């Protein structure tokens, strides 16, 4: 029995001790993603979640909602999206993946500006459509770059509107 365990352990050690060129390549400097992830969690996600709640679930609230909260959150999202378009250390290793990130960031900024305009024009249906478009683009970017989508939290976690 001890001999079988020794053989299994030895086999495991041999299989794990390959040369350096056989080891899987780590994708980029993880601190870059962490910095971007922190920015997303602190600057993008809070306004995104608040907009989602106010556009699709406001009637579920037991308290009165400040009417300026929705346009203010949309403006904050637009400012954060603007910063993403100028992000210094783009995720991805290839030039193509960096271009994809830039295109998603530009699209997010464009949709966020349209959202602000729709809200200032009291065009709530239009604002919902723009937000749904923005939400789909966020999901696509997260999928492309394999970000943990659970880090984008809807404050209520349930409802009929889009959830990140």
C-alpha atoms as a PDB file:
ATOM      1  CA  UNK A   1       0.000   0.000   0.000  1.00  0.00           C
ATOM      2  CA  UNK A   2       2.782   2.426   0.942  1.00  0.00           C
ATOM      3  CA  UNK A   3       4.551   1.542  -2.299  1.00  0.00           C
ATOM      4  CA  UNK A   4       1.415   2.438  -4.336  1.00  0.00           C
ATOM      5  CA  UNK A   5       1.088   5.795  -2.592  1.00  0.00           C
ATOM      6  CA  UNK A   6       4.785   6.506  -3.198  1.00  0.00           C
ATOM      7  CA  UNK A   7       4.394   5.710  -6.902  1.00  0.00           C
ATOM      8  CA  UNK A   8       1.338   7.976  -7.201  1.00  0.00           C
ATOM      9  CA  UNK A   9       3.123  10.844  -5.417  1.00  0.00           C
ATOM     10  CA  UNK A  10       6.252  10.362  -7.533  1.00  0.00           C
ATOM     11  CA  UNK A  11       4.136  10.334 -10.702  1.00  0.00           C
ATOM     12  CA  UNK A  12       2.470  13.565  -9.636  1.00  0.00           C
ATOM     13  CA  UNK A  13       5.793  15.230  -8.917  1.00  0.00           C
ATOM     14  CA  UNK A  14       7.245  14.163 -12.259  1.00  0.00           C
ATOM     15  CA  UNK A  15       4.210  15.440 -14.158  1.00  0.00           C
ATOM     16  CA  UNK A  16       4.431  18.817 -12.395  1.00  0.00           C
ATOM     17  CA  UNK A  17       8.148  19.288 -12.967  1.00  0.00           C
ATOM     18  CA  UNK A  18       8.293  20.212 -16.639  1.00  0.00           C
ATOM     19  CA  UNK A  19      10.628  22.748 -18.188  1.00  0.00           C
ATOM     20  CA  UNK A  20       9.769  26.456 -18.123  1.00  0.00           C
ATOM     21  CA  UNK A  21       8.616  26.541 -21.755  1.00  0.00           C
ATOM     22  CA  UNK A  22       5.971  23.934 -21.005  1.00  0.00           C
ATOM     23  CA  UNK A  23       4.361  25.974 -18.245  1.00  0.00           C
ATOM     24  CA  UNK A  24       1.215  27.906 -19.165  1.00  0.00           C
ATOM     25  CA  UNK A  25       1.790  31.550 -19.848  1.00  0.00           C
ATOM     26  CA  UNK A  26       0.304  33.993 -17.357  1.00  0.00           C
ATOM     27  CA  UNK A  27      -1.725  36.672 -19.138  1.00  0.00           C
ATOM     28  CA  UNK A  28      -0.102  40.005 -18.434  1.00  0.00           C
ATOM     29  CA  UNK A  29       0.668  41.728 -15.180  1.00  0.00           C
ATOM     30  CA  UNK A  30      -2.152  40.885 -12.785  1.00  0.00           C
ATOM     31  CA  UNK A  31      -1.743  44.230 -10.979  1.00  0.00           C
ATOM     32  CA  UNK A  32      -2.955  46.011 -14.127  1.00  0.00           C
ATOM     33  CA  UNK A  33      -6.180  44.043 -14.111  1.00  0.00           C
ATOM     34  CA  UNK A  34      -6.507  44.594 -10.393  1.00  0.00           C
ATOM     35  CA  UNK A  35      -6.144  48.351 -10.842  1.00  0.00           C
ATOM     36  CA  UNK A  36      -8.758  48.300 -13.602  1.00  0.00           C
ATOM     37  CA  UNK A  37     -10.972  45.997 -11.552  1.00  0.00           C
ATOM     38  CA  UNK A  38     -10.741  48.339  -8.581  1.00  0.00           C
ATOM     39  CA  UNK A  39     -11.677  51.279 -10.802  1.00  0.00           C
ATOM     40  CA  UNK A  40     -14.658  49.343 -12.147  1.00  0.00           C
ATOM     41  CA  UNK A  41     -15.819  48.379  -8.642  1.00  0.00           C
ATOM     42  CA  UNK A  42     -15.447  51.846  -7.171  1.00  0.00           C
ATOM     43  CA  UNK A  43     -16.284  54.191 -10.059  1.00  0.00           C
ATOM     44  CA  UNK A  44     -18.374  52.315 -12.631  1.00  0.00           C
ATOM     45  CA  UNK A  45     -20.355  49.693 -10.743  1.00  0.00           C
ATOM     46  CA  UNK A  46     -21.933  51.942  -8.080  1.00  0.00           C
ATOM     47  CA  UNK A  47     -23.411  54.364 -10.615  1.00  0.00           C
ATOM     48  CA  UNK A  48     -24.342  51.483 -12.948  1.00  0.00           C
ATOM     49  CA  UNK A  49     -26.217  49.715 -10.146  1.00  0.00           C
ATOM     50  CA  UNK A  50     -27.933  52.882  -8.993  1.00  0.00           C
ATOM     51  CA  UNK A  51     -29.071  53.676 -12.550  1.00  0.00           C
ATOM     52  CA  UNK A  52     -30.375  50.132 -12.963  1.00  0.00           C
ATOM     53  CA  UNK A  53     -32.343  50.404  -9.737  1.00  0.00           C
ATOM     54  CA  UNK A  54     -33.741  53.865 -10.450  1.00  0.00           C
ATOM     55  CA  UNK A  55     -34.691  53.120 -14.068  1.00  0.00           C
ATOM     56  CA  UNK A  56     -36.266  49.716 -13.502  1.00  0.00           C
ATOM     57  CA  UNK A  57     -37.096  49.330  -9.809  1.00  0.00           C
ATOM     58  CA  UNK A  58     -37.751  52.788  -8.386  1.00  0.00           C
ATOM     59  CA  UNK A  59     -41.373  51.914  -7.645  1.00  0.00           C
ATOM     60  CA  UNK A  60     -40.114  49.071  -5.404  1.00  0.00           C
ATOM     61  CA  UNK A  61     -38.475  51.572  -3.057  1.00  0.00           C
ATOM     62  CA  UNK A  62     -40.198  52.310   0.228  1.00  0.00           C
ATOM     63  CA  UNK A  63     -38.521  55.705   0.495  1.00  0.00           C
ATOM     64  CA  UNK A  64     -38.770  58.741  -1.720  1.00  0.00           C
ATOM     65  CA  UNK A  65     -36.021  58.907  -4.295  1.00  0.00           C
ATOM     66  CA  UNK A  66     -34.299  62.197  -5.017  1.00  0.00           C
ATOM     67  CA  UNK A  67     -35.281  63.118  -8.615  1.00  0.00           C
ATOM     68  CA  UNK A  68     -31.735  64.339  -9.285  1.00  0.00           C
ATOM     69  CA  UNK A  69     -30.193  60.988  -8.296  1.00  0.00           C
ATOM     70  CA  UNK A  70     -30.726  59.332 -11.678  1.00  0.00           C
ATOM     71  CA  UNK A  71     -29.196  62.075 -13.864  1.00  0.00           C
ATOM     72  CA  UNK A  72     -26.375  62.518 -11.326  1.00  0.00           C
ATOM     73  CA  UNK A  73     -25.566  58.794 -11.432  1.00  0.00           C
ATOM     74  CA  UNK A  74     -25.671  58.819 -15.232  1.00  0.00           C
ATOM     75  CA  UNK A  75     -23.281  61.788 -15.289  1.00  0.00           C
ATOM     76  CA  UNK A  76     -20.935  59.946 -12.915  1.00  0.00           C
ATOM     77  CA  UNK A  77     -21.046  56.903 -15.186  1.00  0.00           C
ATOM     78  CA  UNK A  78     -20.228  59.122 -18.179  1.00  0.00           C
ATOM     79  CA  UNK A  79     -17.231  60.594 -16.318  1.00  0.00           C
ATOM     80  CA  UNK A  80     -15.994  57.117 -15.391  1.00  0.00           C
ATOM     81  CA  UNK A  81     -16.445  55.950 -18.992  1.00  0.00           C
ATOM     82  CA  UNK A  82     -14.438  58.956 -20.162  1.00  0.00           C
ATOM     83  CA  UNK A  83     -11.586  57.874 -17.885  1.00  0.00           C
ATOM     84  CA  UNK A  84     -11.786  54.341 -19.280  1.00  0.00           C
ATOM     85  CA  UNK A  85     -11.233  55.684 -22.807  1.00  0.00           C
ATOM     86  CA  UNK A  86      -7.911  57.077 -21.573  1.00  0.00           C
ATOM     87  CA  UNK A  87      -6.904  54.096 -19.451  1.00  0.00           C
ATOM     88  CA  UNK A  88      -3.091  53.932 -19.510  1.00  0.00           C
ATOM     89  CA  UNK A  89      -2.586  50.166 -19.185  1.00  0.00           C
ATOM     90  CA  UNK A  90      -5.070  48.367 -21.412  1.00  0.00           C
ATOM     91  CA  UNK A  91      -5.960  44.759 -20.634  1.00  0.00           C
ATOM     92  CA  UNK A  92      -4.989  42.031 -23.052  1.00  0.00           C
ATOM     93  CA  UNK A  93      -1.684  41.105 -24.573  1.00  0.00           C
ATOM     94  CA  UNK A  94      -2.316  41.671 -28.261  1.00  0.00           C
ATOM     95  CA  UNK A  95      -2.854  44.959 -30.035  1.00  0.00           C
ATOM     96  CA  UNK A  96      -6.208  43.610 -31.255  1.00  0.00           C
ATOM     97  CA  UNK A  97      -7.451  42.957 -27.728  1.00  0.00           C
ATOM     98  CA  UNK A  98      -6.336  46.433 -26.673  1.00  0.00           C
ATOM     99  CA  UNK A  99      -8.241  47.878 -29.629  1.00  0.00           C
ATOM    100  CA  UNK A 100     -11.322  45.899 -28.589  1.00  0.00           C
ATOM    101  CA  UNK A 101     -11.100  47.325 -25.064  1.00  0.00           C
ATOM    102  CA  UNK A 102     -10.751  50.850 -26.457  1.00  0.00           C
ATOM    103  CA  UNK A 103     -13.792  50.330 -28.689  1.00  0.00           C
ATOM    104  CA  UNK A 104     -15.864  49.038 -25.767  1.00  0.00           C
ATOM    105  CA  UNK A 105     -14.771  52.000 -23.619  1.00  0.00           C
ATOM    106  CA  UNK A 106     -15.643  54.474 -26.401  1.00  0.00           C
ATOM    107  CA  UNK A 107     -19.020  52.806 -26.841  1.00  0.00           C
ATOM    108  CA  UNK A 108     -19.682  52.902 -23.088  1.00  0.00           C
ATOM    109  CA  UNK A 109     -18.850  56.606 -23.025  1.00  0.00           C
ATOM    110  CA  UNK A 110     -21.125  57.277 -26.009  1.00  0.00           C
ATOM    111  CA  UNK A 111     -24.041  55.377 -24.458  1.00  0.00           C
ATOM    112  CA  UNK A 112     -23.498  57.061 -21.084  1.00  0.00           C
ATOM    113  CA  UNK A 113     -23.648  60.500 -22.734  1.00  0.00           C
ATOM    114  CA  UNK A 114     -26.839  59.483 -24.592  1.00  0.00           C
ATOM    115  CA  UNK A 115     -28.270  58.280 -21.282  1.00  0.00           C
ATOM    116  CA  UNK A 116     -27.554  61.639 -19.632  1.00  0.00           C
ATOM    117  CA  UNK A 117     -29.177  63.459 -22.565  1.00  0.00           C
ATOM    118  CA  UNK A 118     -32.275  61.236 -22.469  1.00  0.00           C
ATOM    119  CA  UNK A 119     -32.656  61.760 -18.725  1.00  0.00           C
ATOM    120  CA  UNK A 120     -32.251  65.527 -18.971  1.00  0.00           C
ATOM    121  CA  UNK A 121     -34.912  65.472 -21.704  1.00  0.00           C
ATOM    122  CA  UNK A 122     -37.251  63.432 -19.463  1.00  0.00           C
ATOM    123  CA  UNK A 123     -37.271  60.649 -22.075  1.00  0.00           C
ATOM    124  CA  UNK A 124     -37.428  57.706 -19.679  1.00  0.00           C
ATOM    125  CA  UNK A 125     -38.270  55.069 -22.316  1.00  0.00           C
ATOM    126  CA  UNK A 126     -35.341  56.212 -24.418  1.00  0.00           C
ATOM    127  CA  UNK A 127     -33.117  56.189 -21.332  1.00  0.00           C
ATOM    128  CA  UNK A 128     -34.135  52.589 -20.605  1.00  0.00           C
ATOM    129  CA  UNK A 129     -33.283  51.524 -24.163  1.00  0.00           C
ATOM    130  CA  UNK A 130     -29.914  53.274 -24.034  1.00  0.00           C
ATOM    131  CA  UNK A 131     -29.168  51.690 -20.658  1.00  0.00           C
ATOM    132  CA  UNK A 132     -30.085  48.238 -21.974  1.00  0.00           C
ATOM    133  CA  UNK A 133     -27.685  48.781 -24.887  1.00  0.00           C
ATOM    134  CA  UNK A 134     -25.002  49.936 -22.474  1.00  0.00           C
ATOM    135  CA  UNK A 135     -25.646  46.894 -20.277  1.00  0.00           C
ATOM    136  CA  UNK A 136     -25.229  44.488 -23.223  1.00  0.00           C
ATOM    137  CA  UNK A 137     -21.919  46.126 -24.134  1.00  0.00           C
ATOM    138  CA  UNK A 138     -20.694  45.815 -20.552  1.00  0.00           C
ATOM    139  CA  UNK A 139     -21.588  42.120 -20.582  1.00  0.00           C
ATOM    140  CA  UNK A 140     -19.809  41.625 -23.912  1.00  0.00           C
ATOM    141  CA  UNK A 141     -16.670  43.371 -22.649  1.00  0.00           C
ATOM    142  CA  UNK A 142     -16.703  41.321 -19.439  1.00  0.00           C
ATOM    143  CA  UNK A 143     -17.095  38.159 -21.499  1.00  0.00           C
ATOM    144  CA  UNK A 144     -14.304  39.121 -23.901  1.00  0.00           C
ATOM    145  CA  UNK A 145     -11.857  39.943 -21.130  1.00  0.00           C
ATOM    146  CA  UNK A 146     -13.165  37.213 -18.795  1.00  0.00           C
ATOM    147  CA  UNK A 147     -13.837  39.519 -15.879  1.00  0.00           C
ATOM    148  CA  UNK A 148     -15.801  38.069 -13.005  1.00  0.00           C
ATOM    149  CA  UNK A 149     -19.290  39.353 -13.782  1.00  0.00           C
ATOM    150  CA  UNK A 150     -20.390  38.777 -10.212  1.00  0.00           C
ATOM    151  CA  UNK A 151     -18.308  41.813  -9.279  1.00  0.00           C
ATOM    152  CA  UNK A 152     -20.868  44.037 -11.009  1.00  0.00           C
ATOM    153  CA  UNK A 153     -23.647  43.946  -8.464  1.00  0.00           C
ATOM    154  CA  UNK A 154     -27.211  45.115  -8.777  1.00  0.00           C
ATOM    155  CA  UNK A 155     -28.095  46.676  -5.435  1.00  0.00           C
ATOM    156  CA  UNK A 156     -31.374  44.796  -5.256  1.00  0.00           C
ATOM    157  CA  UNK A 157     -30.112  41.599  -6.895  1.00  0.00           C
ATOM    158  CA  UNK A 158     -33.536  40.892  -8.418  1.00  0.00           C
ATOM    159  CA  UNK A 159     -36.137  42.482 -10.608  1.00  0.00           C
ATOM    160  CA  UNK A 160     -37.405  42.842 -14.120  1.00  0.00           C
ATOM    161  CA  UNK A 161     -34.716  45.161 -15.462  1.00  0.00           C
ATOM    162  CA  UNK A 162     -31.284  44.211 -16.688  1.00  0.00           C
ATOM    163  CA  UNK A 163     -28.864  42.916 -14.142  1.00  0.00           C
ATOM    164  CA  UNK A 164     -25.107  43.119 -14.552  1.00  0.00           C
END
